[in-house]
Amino acid sequence: MKLRVHGVSEMPYDERYTPYIEALGLLPFFSLVTRSTPNLNAAQITALVDRWRPETHSFHLRTGEMTVTLQDMSMIFGLPIAGQPLCLNTDSAGWQAQMTDMIGMAPSDNKGKNIAAGAEYTWITDHFKNCPAEAEEPMVRTYARVYIWYVLSRTLFSDSKGNVAQWIWLKALSVFDNRWSWGTAALAYLYRQVKNCSLEVELCSNMP
């Protein structure tokens, strides 16, 4: 498998974002991923995907079955698993207007590029890389919201092309004091992505 390694160094961390990240219960996770991202072993991940069984959401290994649990999401990634389920309307109708209401602007040429509802990482860094030193609280909050969206999209909820922050994850940040169960959402997303990869591997192996 060809792996996409997503770093977050293109968007520098600003200490003024800390209260907003903390309000979401994500400060331990952000402290982890902004320090460094782990090295990935393509052969090892390919072998694991090949042994994934969608029916049980587990890896079938010689030593038995193994799976990723909510406790793993909490212990390894520092993600909160208590809180409200992250259940959002995924309808993307009018997403550009809603994004403009939230962060003041939205990309306008997605249809021409045939990409999902959201913003390319390059668009985000071009417009929100550095929060002005003289920014007042409303502007800092906007930059913090975009930064959180960027990091979550590049690490936990990466799209299939690896270049777009999907709109749905910004929508989840409309209110900072919502205590979502981010660990549950990340685990469900991981299960779906591994399932899709395992089906692709199986399809390729059955091709003449």
C-alpha atoms as a PDB file:
ATOM      1  CA  MET A   1       0.000   0.000   0.000  1.00  0.00           C
ATOM      2  CA  LYS A   2       1.086   3.571  -0.660  1.00  0.00           C
ATOM      3  CA  LEU A   3       0.757   5.562   2.532  1.00  0.00           C
ATOM      4  CA  ARG A   4      -0.003   9.227   2.909  1.00  0.00           C
ATOM      5  CA  VAL A   5       1.830  10.698   5.884  1.00  0.00           C
ATOM      6  CA  HIS A   6       0.151  13.856   7.089  1.00  0.00           C
ATOM      7  CA  GLY A   7       2.159  16.285   9.157  1.00  0.00           C
ATOM      8  CA  VAL A   8       0.758  19.449  10.678  1.00  0.00           C
ATOM      9  CA  SER A   9       3.899  21.578  10.747  1.00  0.00           C
ATOM     10  CA  GLU A  10       2.628  23.783   7.903  1.00  0.00           C
ATOM     11  CA  MET A  11       0.213  25.381  10.386  1.00  0.00           C
ATOM     12  CA  PRO A  12       2.184  26.656  13.397  1.00  0.00           C
ATOM     13  CA  TYR A  13       0.636  26.295  16.821  1.00  0.00           C
ATOM     14  CA  ASP A  14      -0.320  29.517  18.573  1.00  0.00           C
ATOM     15  CA  GLU A  15      -0.670  29.531  22.374  1.00  0.00           C
ATOM     16  CA  ARG A  16      -3.764  31.701  21.987  1.00  0.00           C
ATOM     17  CA  TYR A  17      -5.548  28.626  20.543  1.00  0.00           C
ATOM     18  CA  THR A  18      -5.084  26.617  23.741  1.00  0.00           C
ATOM     19  CA  PRO A  19      -8.313  27.654  25.564  1.00  0.00           C
ATOM     20  CA  TYR A  20     -10.426  26.654  22.552  1.00  0.00           C
ATOM     21  CA  ILE A  21      -8.685  23.301  22.116  1.00  0.00           C
ATOM     22  CA  GLU A  22      -8.998  22.645  25.834  1.00  0.00           C
ATOM     23  CA  ALA A  23     -12.719  23.476  25.760  1.00  0.00           C
ATOM     24  CA  LEU A  24     -13.194  20.655  23.222  1.00  0.00           C
ATOM     25  CA  GLY A  25     -11.287  18.193  25.396  1.00  0.00           C
ATOM     26  CA  LEU A  26      -8.626  17.822  22.700  1.00  0.00           C
ATOM     27  CA  LEU A  27      -5.582  19.366  24.364  1.00  0.00           C
ATOM     28  CA  PRO A  28      -3.836  16.004  25.122  1.00  0.00           C
ATOM     29  CA  PHE A  29      -4.282  14.885  21.496  1.00  0.00           C
ATOM     30  CA  PHE A  30      -3.041  18.182  20.075  1.00  0.00           C
ATOM     31  CA  SER A  31      -0.053  18.153  22.412  1.00  0.00           C
ATOM     32  CA  LEU A  32       0.788  14.727  20.978  1.00  0.00           C
ATOM     33  CA  VAL A  33       0.400  15.396  17.250  1.00  0.00           C
ATOM     34  CA  THR A  34       1.959  18.848  17.221  1.00  0.00           C
ATOM     35  CA  ARG A  35       5.188  17.452  18.695  1.00  0.00           C
ATOM     36  CA  SER A  36       5.640  14.772  16.039  1.00  0.00           C
ATOM     37  CA  THR A  37       3.832  12.199  13.951  1.00  0.00           C
ATOM     38  CA  PRO A  38       4.864   8.525  14.071  1.00  0.00           C
ATOM     39  CA  ASN A  39       6.838   6.844  11.328  1.00  0.00           C
ATOM     40  CA  LEU A  40       4.640   4.458   9.357  1.00  0.00           C
ATOM     41  CA  ASN A  41       5.719   1.064   8.071  1.00  0.00           C
ATOM     42  CA  ALA A  42       3.976   0.521   4.740  1.00  0.00           C
ATOM     43  CA  ALA A  43       4.607  -3.250   4.653  1.00  0.00           C
ATOM     44  CA  GLN A  44       3.299  -3.710   8.183  1.00  0.00           C
ATOM     45  CA  ILE A  45       0.138  -1.705   7.549  1.00  0.00           C
ATOM     46  CA  THR A  46      -0.472  -3.564   4.284  1.00  0.00           C
ATOM     47  CA  ALA A  47      -0.217  -6.881   6.135  1.00  0.00           C
ATOM     48  CA  LEU A  48      -2.654  -5.700   8.801  1.00  0.00           C
ATOM     49  CA  VAL A  49      -5.169  -4.448   6.242  1.00  0.00           C
ATOM     50  CA  ASP A  50      -4.936  -7.789   4.462  1.00  0.00           C
ATOM     51  CA  ARG A  51      -5.925  -9.507   7.709  1.00  0.00           C
ATOM     52  CA  TRP A  52      -8.820  -7.210   8.561  1.00  0.00           C
ATOM     53  CA  ARG A  53     -12.262  -8.792   8.645  1.00  0.00           C
ATOM     54  CA  PRO A  54     -15.093  -6.285   8.177  1.00  0.00           C
ATOM     55  CA  GLU A  55     -17.636  -8.678   9.697  1.00  0.00           C
ATOM     56  CA  THR A  56     -15.985  -8.518  13.117  1.00  0.00           C
ATOM     57  CA  HIS A  57     -13.996  -5.268  12.870  1.00  0.00           C
ATOM     58  CA  SER A  58     -10.878  -7.179  13.890  1.00  0.00           C
ATOM     59  CA  PHE A  59      -7.531  -8.363  12.585  1.00  0.00           C
ATOM     60  CA  HIS A  60      -7.287 -12.153  12.213  1.00  0.00           C
ATOM     61  CA  LEU A  61      -3.719 -12.995  13.189  1.00  0.00           C
ATOM     62  CA  ARG A  62      -1.938 -16.267  13.854  1.00  0.00           C
ATOM     63  CA  THR A  63      -2.119 -15.580  17.555  1.00  0.00           C
ATOM     64  CA  GLY A  64      -5.853 -14.813  17.463  1.00  0.00           C
ATOM     65  CA  GLU A  65      -8.089 -11.818  16.850  1.00  0.00           C
ATOM     66  CA  MET A  66      -7.098  -8.273  17.661  1.00  0.00           C
ATOM     67  CA  THR A  67      -8.930  -4.998  17.259  1.00  0.00           C
ATOM     68  CA  VAL A  68      -8.647  -1.314  18.090  1.00  0.00           C
ATOM     69  CA  THR A  69     -10.857  -0.351  21.021  1.00  0.00           C
ATOM     70  CA  LEU A  70     -12.218   2.829  22.542  1.00  0.00           C
ATOM     71  CA  GLN A  71      -9.736   2.384  25.365  1.00  0.00           C
ATOM     72  CA  ASP A  72      -6.941   2.454  22.778  1.00  0.00           C
ATOM     73  CA  MET A  73      -8.267   5.746  21.386  1.00  0.00           C
ATOM     74  CA  SER A  74      -8.226   7.187  24.887  1.00  0.00           C
ATOM     75  CA  MET A  75      -4.913   5.748  26.114  1.00  0.00           C
ATOM     76  CA  ILE A  76      -2.849   6.070  22.926  1.00  0.00           C
ATOM     77  CA  PHE A  77      -4.236   9.242  21.374  1.00  0.00           C
ATOM     78  CA  GLY A  78      -5.588  11.049  24.418  1.00  0.00           C
ATOM     79  CA  LEU A  79      -8.995  11.451  22.776  1.00  0.00           C
ATOM     80  CA  PRO A  80     -12.077  11.903  24.957  1.00  0.00           C
ATOM     81  CA  ILE A  81     -14.473   8.961  24.738  1.00  0.00           C
ATOM     82  CA  ALA A  82     -17.082  10.314  27.123  1.00  0.00           C
ATOM     83  CA  GLY A  83     -19.523  12.918  25.879  1.00  0.00           C
ATOM     84  CA  GLN A  84     -22.109  13.374  23.174  1.00  0.00           C
ATOM     85  CA  PRO A  85     -21.959  11.194  20.043  1.00  0.00           C
ATOM     86  CA  LEU A  86     -20.700  13.143  17.058  1.00  0.00           C
ATOM     87  CA  CYS A  87     -23.821  12.770  14.921  1.00  0.00           C
ATOM     88  CA  LEU A  88     -24.058  15.512  12.303  1.00  0.00           C
ATOM     89  CA  ASN A  89     -26.115  16.066   9.191  1.00  0.00           C
ATOM     90  CA  THR A  90     -23.718  15.242   6.351  1.00  0.00           C
ATOM     91  CA  ASP A  91     -25.768  17.130   3.741  1.00  0.00           C
ATOM     92  CA  SER A  92     -23.318  19.498   2.054  1.00  0.00           C
ATOM     93  CA  ALA A  93     -25.964  21.752   0.463  1.00  0.00           C
ATOM     94  CA  GLY A  94     -25.019  25.380   1.030  1.00  0.00           C
ATOM     95  CA  TRP A  95     -21.737  24.483   2.704  1.00  0.00           C
ATOM     96  CA  GLN A  96     -19.856  27.468   1.260  1.00  0.00           C
ATOM     97  CA  ALA A  97     -22.307  29.957   2.769  1.00  0.00           C
ATOM     98  CA  GLN A  98     -22.167  28.156   6.107  1.00  0.00           C
ATOM     99  CA  MET A  99     -18.362  28.098   6.020  1.00  0.00           C
ATOM    100  CA  THR A 100     -18.307  31.813   5.263  1.00  0.00           C
ATOM    101  CA  ASP A 101     -20.546  32.434   8.276  1.00  0.00           C
ATOM    102  CA  MET A 102     -18.154  30.471  10.476  1.00  0.00           C
ATOM    103  CA  ILE A 103     -14.712  31.592   9.304  1.00  0.00           C
ATOM    104  CA  GLY A 104     -15.365  34.565   7.014  1.00  0.00           C
ATOM    105  CA  MET A 105     -14.549  32.943   3.668  1.00  0.00           C
ATOM    106  CA  ALA A 106     -14.799  29.749   1.615  1.00  0.00           C
ATOM    107  CA  PRO A 107     -13.118  28.344  -1.525  1.00  0.00           C
ATOM    108  CA  SER A 108     -15.129  28.965  -4.663  1.00  0.00           C
ATOM    109  CA  ASP A 109     -13.640  26.619  -7.281  1.00  0.00           C
ATOM    110  CA  ASN A 110     -14.220  23.130  -5.833  1.00  0.00           C
ATOM    111  CA  LYS A 111     -16.499  22.063  -8.679  1.00  0.00           C
ATOM    112  CA  GLY A 112     -13.803  22.784 -11.223  1.00  0.00           C
ATOM    113  CA  LYS A 113     -11.356  20.667  -9.236  1.00  0.00           C
ATOM    114  CA  ASN A 114     -13.848  17.843  -8.607  1.00  0.00           C
ATOM    115  CA  ILE A 115     -13.171  17.647  -4.882  1.00  0.00           C
ATOM    116  CA  ALA A 116     -15.392  17.157  -1.863  1.00  0.00           C
ATOM    117  CA  ALA A 117     -17.159  19.885   0.079  1.00  0.00           C
ATOM    118  CA  GLY A 118     -14.376  21.509   2.027  1.00  0.00           C
ATOM    119  CA  ALA A 119     -11.082  23.296   1.536  1.00  0.00           C
ATOM    120  CA  GLU A 120      -7.739  22.142   0.233  1.00  0.00           C
ATOM    121  CA  TYR A 121      -4.975  22.228   2.806  1.00  0.00           C
ATOM    122  CA  THR A 122      -3.047  24.702   0.665  1.00  0.00           C
ATOM    123  CA  TRP A 123      -6.049  27.055   0.683  1.00  0.00           C
ATOM    124  CA  ILE A 124      -6.194  26.872   4.468  1.00  0.00           C
ATOM    125  CA  THR A 125      -2.486  27.599   4.927  1.00  0.00           C
ATOM    126  CA  ASP A 126      -2.631  30.453   2.404  1.00  0.00           C
ATOM    127  CA  HIS A 127      -5.391  32.202   4.351  1.00  0.00           C
ATOM    128  CA  PHE A 128      -5.025  31.123   7.984  1.00  0.00           C
ATOM    129  CA  LYS A 129      -1.415  30.107   8.589  1.00  0.00           C
ATOM    130  CA  ASN A 130      -0.509  32.854  11.057  1.00  0.00           C
ATOM    131  CA  CYS A 131      -2.923  34.641  13.341  1.00  0.00           C
ATOM    132  CA  PRO A 132      -2.020  38.373  13.441  1.00  0.00           C
ATOM    133  CA  ALA A 133      -0.285  39.415  16.645  1.00  0.00           C
ATOM    134  CA  GLU A 134      -2.744  42.276  17.132  1.00  0.00           C
ATOM    135  CA  ALA A 135      -5.835  40.107  16.525  1.00  0.00           C
ATOM    136  CA  GLU A 136      -8.738  40.574  18.911  1.00  0.00           C
ATOM    137  CA  GLU A 137     -10.635  37.681  20.481  1.00  0.00           C
ATOM    138  CA  PRO A 138     -13.174  37.064  17.647  1.00  0.00           C
ATOM    139  CA  MET A 139     -10.368  36.770  15.079  1.00  0.00           C
ATOM    140  CA  VAL A 140      -8.271  34.547  17.352  1.00  0.00           C
ATOM    141  CA  ARG A 141     -11.306  32.296  17.802  1.00  0.00           C
ATOM    142  CA  THR A 142     -11.721  32.027  14.025  1.00  0.00           C
ATOM    143  CA  TYR A 143      -8.051  31.157  13.504  1.00  0.00           C
ATOM    144  CA  ALA A 144      -8.245  28.624  16.344  1.00  0.00           C
ATOM    145  CA  ARG A 145     -11.312  27.019  14.761  1.00  0.00           C
ATOM    146  CA  VAL A 146      -9.548  26.684  11.403  1.00  0.00           C
ATOM    147  CA  TYR A 147      -6.392  25.347  13.052  1.00  0.00           C
ATOM    148  CA  ILE A 148      -8.351  22.662  14.923  1.00  0.00           C
ATOM    149  CA  TRP A 149     -10.197  21.755  11.718  1.00  0.00           C
ATOM    150  CA  TYR A 150      -6.911  21.508   9.825  1.00  0.00           C
ATOM    151  CA  VAL A 151      -5.224  19.262  12.389  1.00  0.00           C
ATOM    152  CA  LEU A 152      -8.224  16.944  12.827  1.00  0.00           C
ATOM    153  CA  SER A 153      -8.605  16.607   9.054  1.00  0.00           C
ATOM    154  CA  ARG A 154      -4.938  15.822   8.505  1.00  0.00           C
ATOM    155  CA  THR A 155      -4.682  13.255  11.284  1.00  0.00           C
ATOM    156  CA  LEU A 156      -7.931  11.584  12.381  1.00  0.00           C
ATOM    157  CA  PHE A 157     -10.269  12.273   9.474  1.00  0.00           C
ATOM    158  CA  SER A 158      -8.144  12.429   6.345  1.00  0.00           C
ATOM    159  CA  ASP A 159     -10.028  12.233   3.042  1.00  0.00           C
ATOM    160  CA  SER A 160      -9.274   9.601   0.414  1.00  0.00           C
ATOM    161  CA  LYS A 161      -7.206  11.984  -1.731  1.00  0.00           C
ATOM    162  CA  GLY A 162      -5.235  13.325   1.199  1.00  0.00           C
ATOM    163  CA  ASN A 163      -5.508  16.979   0.190  1.00  0.00           C
ATOM    164  CA  VAL A 164      -8.875  18.259   1.441  1.00  0.00           C
ATOM    165  CA  ALA A 165     -10.212  19.190   4.869  1.00  0.00           C
ATOM    166  CA  GLN A 166     -13.830  18.124   4.619  1.00  0.00           C
ATOM    167  CA  TRP A 167     -16.499  20.621   5.574  1.00  0.00           C
ATOM    168  CA  ILE A 168     -18.269  18.245   7.962  1.00  0.00           C
ATOM    169  CA  TRP A 169     -15.418  18.417  10.510  1.00  0.00           C
ATOM    170  CA  LEU A 170     -15.481  22.218  10.570  1.00  0.00           C
ATOM    171  CA  LYS A 171     -19.238  22.007  11.099  1.00  0.00           C
ATOM    172  CA  ALA A 172     -18.567  20.001  14.270  1.00  0.00           C
ATOM    173  CA  LEU A 173     -16.591  22.979  15.614  1.00  0.00           C
ATOM    174  CA  SER A 174     -19.424  25.485  15.424  1.00  0.00           C
ATOM    175  CA  VAL A 175     -19.625  25.501  19.247  1.00  0.00           C
ATOM    176  CA  PHE A 176     -16.469  25.115  21.316  1.00  0.00           C
ATOM    177  CA  ASP A 177     -18.058  23.992  24.558  1.00  0.00           C
ATOM    178  CA  ASN A 178     -19.663  20.879  23.061  1.00  0.00           C
ATOM    179  CA  ARG A 179     -18.025  17.876  24.660  1.00  0.00           C
ATOM    180  CA  TRP A 180     -18.084  15.434  21.770  1.00  0.00           C
ATOM    181  CA  SER A 181     -16.875  11.857  22.060  1.00  0.00           C
ATOM    182  CA  TRP A 182     -14.041  12.381  19.577  1.00  0.00           C
ATOM    183  CA  GLY A 183     -12.570   8.969  20.332  1.00  0.00           C
ATOM    184  CA  THR A 184     -15.787   7.241  19.254  1.00  0.00           C
ATOM    185  CA  ALA A 185     -15.947   9.244  16.019  1.00  0.00           C
ATOM    186  CA  ALA A 186     -12.282   8.551  15.238  1.00  0.00           C
ATOM    187  CA  LEU A 187     -12.685   4.822  15.896  1.00  0.00           C
ATOM    188  CA  ALA A 188     -15.759   4.562  13.665  1.00  0.00           C
ATOM    189  CA  TYR A 189     -13.930   6.463  10.926  1.00  0.00           C
ATOM    190  CA  LEU A 190     -10.908   4.176  11.288  1.00  0.00           C
ATOM    191  CA  TYR A 191     -13.093   1.073  10.990  1.00  0.00           C
ATOM    192  CA  ARG A 192     -14.657   2.409   7.814  1.00  0.00           C
ATOM    193  CA  GLN A 193     -11.342   3.356   6.239  1.00  0.00           C
ATOM    194  CA  VAL A 194      -9.722   0.005   7.045  1.00  0.00           C
ATOM    195  CA  LYS A 195     -12.783  -1.809   5.692  1.00  0.00           C
ATOM    196  CA  ASN A 196     -12.586   0.132   2.425  1.00  0.00           C
ATOM    197  CA  CYS A 197      -8.859  -0.597   2.123  1.00  0.00           C
ATOM    198  CA  SER A 198      -9.330  -4.301   2.827  1.00  0.00           C
ATOM    199  CA  LEU A 199     -12.040  -4.550   0.180  1.00  0.00           C
ATOM    200  CA  GLU A 200      -9.763  -2.849  -2.356  1.00  0.00           C
ATOM    201  CA  VAL A 201      -6.932  -5.239  -1.506  1.00  0.00           C
ATOM    202  CA  GLU A 202      -9.289  -8.209  -1.893  1.00  0.00           C
ATOM    203  CA  LEU A 203     -10.560  -6.882  -5.214  1.00  0.00           C
ATOM    204  CA  CYS A 204      -7.034  -6.417  -6.544  1.00  0.00           C
ATOM    205  CA  SER A 205      -5.984  -9.917  -5.419  1.00  0.00           C
ATOM    206  CA  ASN A 206      -8.925 -11.468  -7.283  1.00  0.00           C
ATOM    207  CA  MET A 207      -8.215  -9.678 -10.551  1.00  0.00           C
ATOM    208  CA  PRO A 208      -6.807 -11.914 -13.305  1.00  0.00           C
END
